[in-house]
PDB file of N, CA and C in Angstrom:
ATOM      1  N   MET A   1       8.457  -9.446  20.458  1.00  0.00           N
ATOM      2  CA  MET A   1       8.058  -8.554  21.522  1.00  0.00           C
ATOM      3  C   MET A   1       7.705  -7.189  20.936  1.00  0.00           C
ATOM      4  N   GLN A   2       6.549  -6.692  21.311  1.00  0.00           N
ATOM      5  CA  GLN A   2       6.121  -5.396  20.825  1.00  0.00           C
ATOM      6  C   GLN A   2       6.572  -4.303  21.774  1.00  0.00           C
ATOM      7  N   HIS A   3       6.813  -3.145  21.210  1.00  0.00           N
ATOM      8  CA  HIS A   3       7.156  -1.991  22.033  1.00  0.00           C
ATOM      9  C   HIS A   3       6.459  -0.771  21.447  1.00  0.00           C
ATOM     10  N   PRO A   4       6.024   0.143  22.299  1.00  0.00           N
ATOM     11  CA  PRO A   4       5.323   1.316  21.780  1.00  0.00           C
ATOM     12  C   PRO A   4       6.267   2.243  21.025  1.00  0.00           C
ATOM     13  N   ILE A   5       5.733   2.865  20.002  1.00  0.00           N
ATOM     14  CA  ILE A   5       6.492   3.855  19.246  1.00  0.00           C
ATOM     15  C   ILE A   5       6.093   5.220  19.790  1.00  0.00           C
ATOM     16  N   PRO A   6       7.060   6.005  20.231  1.00  0.00           N
ATOM     17  CA  PRO A   6       6.725   7.327  20.776  1.00  0.00           C
ATOM     18  C   PRO A   6       6.189   8.258  19.693  1.00  0.00           C
ATOM     19  N   LYS A   7       5.683   9.385  20.102  1.00  0.00           N
ATOM     20  CA  LYS A   7       5.164  10.368  19.160  1.00  0.00           C
ATOM     21  C   LYS A   7       6.318  10.944  18.350  1.00  0.00           C
ATOM     22  N   ILE A   8       6.414  10.501  17.117  1.00  0.00           N
ATOM     23  CA  ILE A   8       7.569  10.880  16.287  1.00  0.00           C
ATOM     24  C   ILE A   8       7.597  12.361  15.973  1.00  0.00           C
ATOM     25  N   TRP A   9       6.450  13.032  16.024  1.00  0.00           N
ATOM     26  CA  TRP A   9       6.391  14.458  15.696  1.00  0.00           C
ATOM     27  C   TRP A   9       7.062  15.294  16.775  1.00  0.00           C
ATOM     28  N   LEU A  10       7.188  14.733  17.977  1.00  0.00           N
ATOM     29  CA  LEU A  10       7.807  15.446  19.091  1.00  0.00           C
ATOM     30  C   LEU A  10       9.170  14.874  19.474  1.00  0.00           C
ATOM     31  N   ASP A  11       9.517  13.743  18.901  1.00  0.00           N
ATOM     32  CA  ASP A  11      10.740  13.032  19.268  1.00  0.00           C
ATOM     33  C   ASP A  11      11.981  13.808  18.805  1.00  0.00           C
ATOM     34  N   PRO A  12      12.851  14.197  19.746  1.00  0.00           N
ATOM     35  CA  PRO A  12      14.055  14.952  19.357  1.00  0.00           C
ATOM     36  C   PRO A  12      15.026  14.148  18.497  1.00  0.00           C
ATOM     37  N   ALA A  13      14.878  12.841  18.464  1.00  0.00           N
ATOM     38  CA  ALA A  13      15.764  12.013  17.634  1.00  0.00           C
ATOM     39  C   ALA A  13      15.615  12.338  16.150  1.00  0.00           C
ATOM     40  N   PHE A  14      14.472  12.898  15.775  1.00  0.00           N
ATOM     41  CA  PHE A  14      14.217  13.192  14.365  1.00  0.00           C
ATOM     42  C   PHE A  14      14.160  14.690  14.077  1.00  0.00           C
ATOM     43  N   GLU A  15      14.715  15.491  14.955  1.00  0.00           N
ATOM     44  CA  GLU A  15      14.625  16.947  14.777  1.00  0.00           C
ATOM     45  C   GLU A  15      15.467  17.465  13.621  1.00  0.00           C
ATOM     46  N   ASN A  16      16.383  16.664  13.092  1.00  0.00           N
ATOM     47  CA  ASN A  16      17.182  17.085  11.935  1.00  0.00           C
ATOM     48  C   ASN A  16      16.400  17.015  10.638  1.00  0.00           C
ATOM     49  N   ALA A  17      15.241  16.397  10.667  1.00  0.00           N
ATOM     50  CA  ALA A  17      14.413  16.297   9.466  1.00  0.00           C
ATOM     51  C   ALA A  17      13.945  17.695   9.063  1.00  0.00           C
ATOM     52  N   GLU A  18      14.050  17.983   7.786  1.00  0.00           N
ATOM     53  CA  GLU A  18      13.678  19.304   7.283  1.00  0.00           C
ATOM     54  C   GLU A  18      12.194  19.408   6.952  1.00  0.00           C
ATOM     55  N   THR A  19      11.553  18.270   6.687  1.00  0.00           N
ATOM     56  CA  THR A  19      10.133  18.269   6.335  1.00  0.00           C
ATOM     57  C   THR A  19       9.425  17.181   7.145  1.00  0.00           C
ATOM     58  N   LEU A  20       8.106  17.239   7.143  1.00  0.00           N
ATOM     59  CA  LEU A  20       7.325  16.204   7.820  1.00  0.00           C
ATOM     60  C   LEU A  20       7.521  14.853   7.142  1.00  0.00           C
ATOM     61  N   ASP A  21       7.669  14.869   5.808  1.00  0.00           N
ATOM     62  CA  ASP A  21       7.929  13.629   5.070  1.00  0.00           C
ATOM     63  C   ASP A  21       9.208  12.974   5.567  1.00  0.00           C
ATOM     64  N   GLU A  22      10.247  13.768   5.698  1.00  0.00           N
ATOM     65  CA  GLU A  22      11.537  13.243   6.167  1.00  0.00           C
ATOM     66  C   GLU A  22      11.429  12.687   7.574  1.00  0.00           C
ATOM     67  N   ARG A  23      10.690  13.370   8.422  1.00  0.00           N
ATOM     68  CA  ARG A  23      10.526  12.911   9.807  1.00  0.00           C
ATOM     69  C   ARG A  23       9.811  11.554   9.822  1.00  0.00           C
ATOM     70  N   LEU A  24       8.773  11.416   9.016  1.00  0.00           N
ATOM     71  CA  LEU A  24       8.013  10.171   8.951  1.00  0.00           C
ATOM     72  C   LEU A  24       8.866   9.036   8.386  1.00  0.00           C
ATOM     73  N   ILE A  25       9.608   9.318   7.339  1.00  0.00           N
ATOM     74  CA  ILE A  25      10.475   8.293   6.738  1.00  0.00           C
ATOM     75  C   ILE A  25      11.592   7.909   7.707  1.00  0.00           C
ATOM     76  N   SER A  26      12.173   8.887   8.377  1.00  0.00           N
ATOM     77  CA  SER A  26      13.227   8.602   9.358  1.00  0.00           C
ATOM     78  C   SER A  26      12.708   7.680  10.464  1.00  0.00           C
ATOM     79  N   ALA A  27      11.518   7.990  10.957  1.00  0.00           N
ATOM     80  CA  ALA A  27      10.939   7.163  12.023  1.00  0.00           C
ATOM     81  C   ALA A  27      10.628   5.759  11.513  1.00  0.00           C
ATOM     82  N   ALA A  28      10.114   5.663  10.291  1.00  0.00           N
ATOM     83  CA  ALA A  28       9.819   4.346   9.720  1.00  0.00           C
ATOM     84  C   ALA A  28      11.091   3.516   9.601  1.00  0.00           C
ATOM     85  N   LEU A  29      12.159   4.135   9.135  1.00  0.00           N
ATOM     86  CA  LEU A  29      13.435   3.430   8.998  1.00  0.00           C
ATOM     87  C   LEU A  29      14.011   3.053  10.354  1.00  0.00           C
ATOM     88  N   PHE A  30      13.896   3.935  11.314  1.00  0.00           N
ATOM     89  CA  PHE A  30      14.448   3.703  12.645  1.00  0.00           C
ATOM     90  C   PHE A  30      13.695   2.587  13.373  1.00  0.00           C
ATOM     91  N   TYR A  31      12.370   2.613  13.326  1.00  0.00           N
ATOM     92  CA  TYR A  31      11.579   1.675  14.116  1.00  0.00           C
ATOM     93  C   TYR A  31      11.253   0.367  13.410  1.00  0.00           C
ATOM     94  N   SER A  32      11.434   0.313  12.099  1.00  0.00           N
ATOM     95  CA  SER A  32      11.107  -0.913  11.379  1.00  0.00           C
ATOM     96  C   SER A  32      12.029  -2.054  11.788  1.00  0.00           C
ATOM     97  N   ARG A  33      11.441  -3.199  12.008  1.00  0.00           N
ATOM     98  CA  ARG A  33      12.227  -4.403  12.306  1.00  0.00           C
ATOM     99  C   ARG A  33      12.659  -5.100  11.026  1.00  0.00           C
ATOM    100  N   GLU A  34      12.058  -4.688   9.924  1.00  0.00           N
ATOM    101  CA  GLU A  34      12.354  -5.292   8.631  1.00  0.00           C
ATOM    102  C   GLU A  34      13.469  -4.522   7.933  1.00  0.00           C
ATOM    103  N   ARG A  35      14.210  -5.225   7.108  1.00  0.00           N
ATOM    104  CA  ARG A  35      15.291  -4.577   6.369  1.00  0.00           C
ATOM    105  C   ARG A  35      14.738  -3.717   5.238  1.00  0.00           C
ATOM    106  N   HIS A  36      13.609  -4.130   4.669  1.00  0.00           N
ATOM    107  CA  HIS A  36      12.988  -3.408   3.555  1.00  0.00           C
ATOM    108  C   HIS A  36      11.796  -2.611   4.079  1.00  0.00           C
ATOM    109  N   VAL A  37      11.740  -1.328   3.703  1.00  0.00           N
ATOM    110  CA  VAL A  37      10.661  -0.432   4.118  1.00  0.00           C
ATOM    111  C   VAL A  37      10.005   0.117   2.854  1.00  0.00           C
ATOM    112  N   ALA A  38       8.698  -0.100   2.720  1.00  0.00           N
ATOM    113  CA  ALA A  38       7.968   0.369   1.534  1.00  0.00           C
ATOM    114  C   ALA A  38       7.775   1.878   1.588  1.00  0.00           C
ATOM    115  N   LEU A  39       7.959   2.501   0.452  1.00  0.00           N
ATOM    116  CA  LEU A  39       7.714   3.937   0.305  1.00  0.00           C
ATOM    117  C   LEU A  39       6.757   4.115  -0.869  1.00  0.00           C
ATOM    118  N   VAL A  40       5.500   4.404  -0.561  1.00  0.00           N
ATOM    119  CA  VAL A  40       4.503   4.655  -1.590  1.00  0.00           C
ATOM    120  C   VAL A  40       4.459   6.165  -1.783  1.00  0.00           C
ATOM    121  N   ALA A  41       4.863   6.613  -2.966  1.00  0.00           N
ATOM    122  CA  ALA A  41       4.998   8.048  -3.210  1.00  0.00           C
ATOM    123  C   ALA A  41       4.833   8.342  -4.691  1.00  0.00           C
ATOM    124  N   PRO A  42       4.522   9.609  -5.016  1.00  0.00           N
ATOM    125  CA  PRO A  42       4.382   9.951  -6.431  1.00  0.00           C
ATOM    126  C   PRO A  42       5.718   9.963  -7.184  1.00  0.00           C
ATOM    127  N   LYS A  43       6.829  10.189  -6.462  1.00  0.00           N
ATOM    128  CA  LYS A  43       8.151  10.254  -7.103  1.00  0.00           C
ATOM    129  C   LYS A  43       9.128   9.320  -6.396  1.00  0.00           C
ATOM    130  N   HIS A  44      10.180   8.961  -7.098  1.00  0.00           N
ATOM    131  CA  HIS A  44      11.235   8.131  -6.517  1.00  0.00           C
ATOM    132  C   HIS A  44      11.822   8.800  -5.276  1.00  0.00           C
ATOM    133  N   PRO A  45      12.326   8.007  -4.336  1.00  0.00           N
ATOM    134  CA  PRO A  45      12.955   8.608  -3.146  1.00  0.00           C
ATOM    135  C   PRO A  45      14.175   9.424  -3.543  1.00  0.00           C
ATOM    136  N   THR A  46      14.349  10.531  -2.854  1.00  0.00           N
ATOM    137  CA  THR A  46      15.485  11.407  -3.137  1.00  0.00           C
ATOM    138  C   THR A  46      16.779  10.742  -2.675  1.00  0.00           C
ATOM    139  N   LEU A  47      17.883  11.279  -3.139  1.00  0.00           N
ATOM    140  CA  LEU A  47      19.190  10.780  -2.720  1.00  0.00           C
ATOM    141  C   LEU A  47      19.336  10.895  -1.201  1.00  0.00           C
ATOM    142  N   LYS A  48      18.830  11.971  -0.641  1.00  0.00           N
ATOM    143  CA  LYS A  48      18.901  12.175   0.811  1.00  0.00           C
ATOM    144  C   LYS A  48      18.164  11.060   1.556  1.00  0.00           C
ATOM    145  N   TRP A  49      16.987  10.678   1.058  1.00  0.00           N
ATOM    146  CA  TRP A  49      16.212   9.612   1.704  1.00  0.00           C
ATOM    147  C   TRP A  49      16.908   8.262   1.570  1.00  0.00           C
ATOM    148  N   ARG A  50      17.529   8.019   0.412  1.00  0.00           N
ATOM    149  CA  ARG A  50      18.252   6.754   0.221  1.00  0.00           C
ATOM    150  C   ARG A  50      19.474   6.689   1.141  1.00  0.00           C
ATOM    151  N   ARG A  51      20.162   7.821   1.328  1.00  0.00           N
ATOM    152  CA  ARG A  51      21.295   7.865   2.265  1.00  0.00           C
ATOM    153  C   ARG A  51      20.827   7.629   3.690  1.00  0.00           C
ATOM    154  N   LEU A  52      19.684   8.192   4.021  1.00  0.00           N
ATOM    155  CA  LEU A  52      19.107   7.997   5.346  1.00  0.00           C
ATOM    156  C   LEU A  52      18.816   6.510   5.578  1.00  0.00           C
ATOM    157  N   ALA A  53      18.254   5.861   4.576  1.00  0.00           N
ATOM    158  CA  ALA A  53      17.975   4.421   4.680  1.00  0.00           C
ATOM    159  C   ALA A  53      19.274   3.645   4.873  1.00  0.00           C
ATOM    160  N   ARG A  54      20.301   4.023   4.147  1.00  0.00           N
ATOM    161  CA  ARG A  54      21.590   3.344   4.271  1.00  0.00           C
ATOM    162  C   ARG A  54      22.165   3.506   5.680  1.00  0.00           C
ATOM    163  N   ARG A  55      21.983   4.685   6.266  1.00  0.00           N
ATOM    164  CA  ARG A  55      22.481   4.935   7.617  1.00  0.00           C
ATOM    165  C   ARG A  55      21.812   3.995   8.627  1.00  0.00           C
ATOM    166  N   TYR A  56      20.530   3.704   8.400  1.00  0.00           N
ATOM    167  CA  TYR A  56      19.796   2.795   9.293  1.00  0.00           C
ATOM    168  C   TYR A  56      19.920   1.337   8.857  1.00  0.00           C
ATOM    169  N   LYS A  57      20.734   1.094   7.819  1.00  0.00           N
ATOM    170  CA  LYS A  57      20.947  -0.256   7.277  1.00  0.00           C
ATOM    171  C   LYS A  57      19.641  -0.865   6.785  1.00  0.00           C
ATOM    172  N   LYS A  58      18.861  -0.028   6.093  1.00  0.00           N
ATOM    173  CA  LYS A  58      17.571  -0.448   5.546  1.00  0.00           C
ATOM    174  C   LYS A  58      17.549  -0.153   4.052  1.00  0.00           C
ATOM    175  N   ASN A  59      16.545  -0.670   3.393  1.00  0.00           N
ATOM    176  CA  ASN A  59      16.381  -0.457   1.962  1.00  0.00           C
ATOM    177  C   ASN A  59      14.972   0.073   1.712  1.00  0.00           C
ATOM    178  N   LEU A  60      14.863   1.249   1.077  1.00  0.00           N
ATOM    179  CA  LEU A  60      13.561   1.780   0.711  1.00  0.00           C
ATOM    180  C   LEU A  60      13.091   1.092  -0.564  1.00  0.00           C
ATOM    181  N   VAL A  61      11.907   0.519  -0.519  1.00  0.00           N
ATOM    182  CA  VAL A  61      11.316  -0.117  -1.690  1.00  0.00           C
ATOM    183  C   VAL A  61      10.256   0.837  -2.220  1.00  0.00           C
ATOM    184  N   TYR A  62      10.543   1.449  -3.340  1.00  0.00           N
ATOM    185  CA  TYR A  62       9.651   2.451  -3.923  1.00  0.00           C
ATOM    186  C   TYR A  62       8.502   1.782  -4.660  1.00  0.00           C
ATOM    187  N   ILE A  63       7.286   2.209  -4.342  1.00  0.00           N
ATOM    188  CA  ILE A  63       6.082   1.768  -5.046  1.00  0.00           C
ATOM    189  C   ILE A  63       5.384   3.031  -5.538  1.00  0.00           C
ATOM    190  N   PRO A  64       5.268   3.192  -6.859  1.00  0.00           N
ATOM    191  CA  PRO A  64       4.642   4.407  -7.395  1.00  0.00           C
ATOM    192  C   PRO A  64       3.188   4.540  -6.935  1.00  0.00           C
ATOM    193  N   LEU A  65       2.830   5.712  -6.516  1.00  0.00           N
ATOM    194  CA  LEU A  65       1.478   5.993  -6.046  1.00  0.00           C
ATOM    195  C   LEU A  65       0.443   5.722  -7.133  1.00  0.00           C
ATOM    196  N   LYS A  66       0.820   5.946  -8.389  1.00  0.00           N
ATOM    197  CA  LYS A  66      -0.126   5.781  -9.494  1.00  0.00           C
ATOM    198  C   LYS A  66      -0.535   4.322  -9.722  1.00  0.00           C
ATOM    199  N   ARG A  67       0.110   3.385  -9.044  1.00  0.00           N
ATOM    200  CA  ARG A  67      -0.265   1.974  -9.169  1.00  0.00           C
ATOM    201  C   ARG A  67      -1.547   1.654  -8.415  1.00  0.00           C
ATOM    202  N   PHE A  68      -2.027   2.584  -7.606  1.00  0.00           N
ATOM    203  CA  PHE A  68      -3.205   2.360  -6.782  1.00  0.00           C
ATOM    204  C   PHE A  68      -4.374   3.191  -7.291  1.00  0.00           C
ATOM    205  N   SER A  69      -5.578   2.657  -7.132  1.00  0.00           N
ATOM    206  CA  SER A  69      -6.773   3.401  -7.536  1.00  0.00           C
ATOM    207  C   SER A  69      -7.001   4.555  -6.565  1.00  0.00           C
ATOM    208  N   LEU A  70      -7.770   5.541  -7.003  1.00  0.00           N
ATOM    209  CA  LEU A  70      -8.091   6.679  -6.141  1.00  0.00           C
ATOM    210  C   LEU A  70      -8.848   6.223  -4.896  1.00  0.00           C
ATOM    211  N   GLN A  71      -9.693   5.215  -5.042  1.00  0.00           N
ATOM    212  CA  GLN A  71     -10.445   4.685  -3.901  1.00  0.00           C
ATOM    213  C   GLN A  71      -9.498   4.062  -2.874  1.00  0.00           C
ATOM    214  N   THR A  72      -8.530   3.307  -3.328  1.00  0.00           N
ATOM    215  CA  THR A  72      -7.557   2.697  -2.416  1.00  0.00           C
ATOM    216  C   THR A  72      -6.735   3.764  -1.718  1.00  0.00           C
ATOM    217  N   ILE A  73      -6.295   4.765  -2.452  1.00  0.00           N
ATOM    218  CA  ILE A  73      -5.502   5.851  -1.866  1.00  0.00           C
ATOM    219  C   ILE A  73      -6.313   6.573  -0.798  1.00  0.00           C
ATOM    220  N   ASP A  74      -7.585   6.820  -1.070  1.00  0.00           N
ATOM    221  CA  ASP A  74      -8.444   7.490  -0.102  1.00  0.00           C
ATOM    222  C   ASP A  74      -8.583   6.655   1.178  1.00  0.00           C
ATOM    223  N   ARG A  75      -8.714   5.360   1.035  1.00  0.00           N
ATOM    224  CA  ARG A  75      -8.843   4.481   2.211  1.00  0.00           C
ATOM    225  C   ARG A  75      -7.553   4.458   3.032  1.00  0.00           C
ATOM    226  N   VAL A  76      -6.423   4.451   2.363  1.00  0.00           N
ATOM    227  CA  VAL A  76      -5.140   4.429   3.077  1.00  0.00           C
ATOM    228  C   VAL A  76      -4.941   5.740   3.838  1.00  0.00           C
ATOM    229  N   ARG A  77      -5.371   6.829   3.272  1.00  0.00           N
ATOM    230  CA  ARG A  77      -5.220   8.124   3.934  1.00  0.00           C
ATOM    231  C   ARG A  77      -6.060   8.215   5.200  1.00  0.00           C
ATOM    232  N   LYS A  78      -7.049   7.358   5.324  1.00  0.00           N
ATOM    233  CA  LYS A  78      -7.953   7.415   6.472  1.00  0.00           C
ATOM    234  C   LYS A  78      -7.796   6.205   7.394  1.00  0.00           C
ATOM    235  N   PHE A  79      -6.603   5.641   7.455  1.00  0.00           N
ATOM    236  CA  PHE A  79      -6.423   4.477   8.314  1.00  0.00           C
ATOM    237  C   PHE A  79      -6.317   4.904   9.769  1.00  0.00           C
ATOM    238  N   HIS A  80      -6.513   3.934  10.646  1.00  0.00           N
ATOM    239  CA  HIS A  80      -6.497   4.204  12.080  1.00  0.00           C
ATOM    240  C   HIS A  80      -5.512   3.263  12.764  1.00  0.00           C
ATOM    241  N   VAL A  81      -4.749   3.814  13.664  1.00  0.00           N
ATOM    242  CA  VAL A  81      -3.862   3.000  14.483  1.00  0.00           C
ATOM    243  C   VAL A  81      -4.545   2.854  15.831  1.00  0.00           C
ATOM    244  N   LEU A  82      -4.838   1.635  16.199  1.00  0.00           N
ATOM    245  CA  LEU A  82      -5.547   1.376  17.449  1.00  0.00           C
ATOM    246  C   LEU A  82      -4.541   0.887  18.482  1.00  0.00           C
ATOM    247  N   ASN A  83      -4.348   1.676  19.509  1.00  0.00           N
ATOM    248  CA  ASN A  83      -3.336   1.392  20.517  1.00  0.00           C
ATOM    249  C   ASN A  83      -3.991   0.815  21.763  1.00  0.00           C
ATOM    250  N   GLY A  84      -3.999  -0.478  21.872  1.00  0.00           N
ATOM    251  CA  GLY A  84      -4.517  -1.125  23.067  1.00  0.00           C
ATOM    252  C   GLY A  84      -5.830  -1.853  22.832  1.00  0.00           C
ATOM    253  N   LYS A  85      -5.996  -2.968  23.516  1.00  0.00           N
ATOM    254  CA  LYS A  85      -7.203  -3.784  23.366  1.00  0.00           C
ATOM    255  C   LYS A  85      -8.449  -3.045  23.821  1.00  0.00           C
ATOM    256  N   GLU A  86      -8.328  -2.232  24.861  1.00  0.00           N
ATOM    257  CA  GLU A  86      -9.503  -1.523  25.362  1.00  0.00           C
ATOM    258  C   GLU A  86     -10.051  -0.548  24.326  1.00  0.00           C
ATOM    259  N   ILE A  87      -9.184   0.034  23.522  1.00  0.00           N
ATOM    260  CA  ILE A  87      -9.630   0.959  22.479  1.00  0.00           C
ATOM    261  C   ILE A  87     -10.275   0.184  21.335  1.00  0.00           C
ATOM    262  N   ARG A  88      -9.708  -0.955  20.974  1.00  0.00           N
ATOM    263  CA  ARG A  88     -10.264  -1.762  19.886  1.00  0.00           C
ATOM    264  C   ARG A  88     -11.686  -2.215  20.189  1.00  0.00           C
ATOM    265  N   SER A  89     -12.004  -2.386  21.459  1.00  0.00           N
ATOM    266  CA  SER A  89     -13.329  -2.879  21.831  1.00  0.00           C
ATOM    267  C   SER A  89     -14.441  -1.910  21.435  1.00  0.00           C
ATOM    268  N   TYR A  90     -14.179  -0.617  21.393  1.00  0.00           N
ATOM    269  CA  TYR A  90     -15.227   0.336  21.041  1.00  0.00           C
ATOM    270  C   TYR A  90     -14.903   1.177  19.798  1.00  0.00           C
ATOM    271  N   ALA A  91     -13.763   0.966  19.185  1.00  0.00           N
ATOM    272  CA  ALA A  91     -13.336   1.789  18.053  1.00  0.00           C
ATOM    273  C   ALA A  91     -14.261   1.667  16.849  1.00  0.00           C
ATOM    274  N   SER A  92     -14.843   0.510  16.642  1.00  0.00           N
ATOM    275  CA  SER A  92     -15.683   0.309  15.449  1.00  0.00           C
ATOM    276  C   SER A  92     -16.876   1.271  15.412  1.00  0.00           C
ATOM    277  N   ARG A  93     -17.280   1.791  16.552  1.00  0.00           N
ATOM    278  CA  ARG A  93     -18.389   2.753  16.582  1.00  0.00           C
ATOM    279  C   ARG A  93     -17.984   4.088  15.963  1.00  0.00           C
ATOM    280  N   PHE A  94     -16.673   4.367  15.892  1.00  0.00           N
ATOM    281  CA  PHE A  94     -16.191   5.655  15.423  1.00  0.00           C
ATOM    282  C   PHE A  94     -15.525   5.594  14.047  1.00  0.00           C
ATOM    283  N   ILE A  95     -15.144   4.416  13.612  1.00  0.00           N
ATOM    284  CA  ILE A  95     -14.453   4.265  12.327  1.00  0.00           C
ATOM    285  C   ILE A  95     -15.484   4.027  11.239  1.00  0.00           C
ATOM    286  N   GLN A  96     -15.447   4.889  10.228  1.00  0.00           N
ATOM    287  CA  GLN A  96     -16.378   4.757   9.116  1.00  0.00           C
ATOM    288  C   GLN A  96     -15.723   3.989   7.989  1.00  0.00           C
ATOM    289  N   GLU A  97     -16.401   2.999   7.487  1.00  0.00           N
ATOM    290  CA  GLU A  97     -15.899   2.228   6.354  1.00  0.00           C
ATOM    291  C   GLU A  97     -16.483   2.833   5.086  1.00  0.00           C
ATOM    292  N   PHE A  98     -15.641   3.091   4.094  1.00  0.00           N
ATOM    293  CA  PHE A  98     -16.104   3.724   2.865  1.00  0.00           C
ATOM    294  C   PHE A  98     -16.226   2.724   1.757  1.00  0.00           C
TER     295      PHE A  98
END
């Protein structure tokens, strides 16, 4: 069963996060149905992030950013989340493929 994820940037559940990175990681750990959550980053997760994962009973799987080509990284930075079938029907007119 799918459920919508609220706007994490405004969600008071994550207001203890000190940075936007922390807020995003907290939300990923909180909403993930999987025990393992991938973290693609230039550096290993901090002790604080690993403790956060432990609190949510999850495991951060670190994947070094340098393992990906610059082209792949650029494409990932420009991904789109399409919320609803009605949006998917016309979204291709606005999404540019590189």
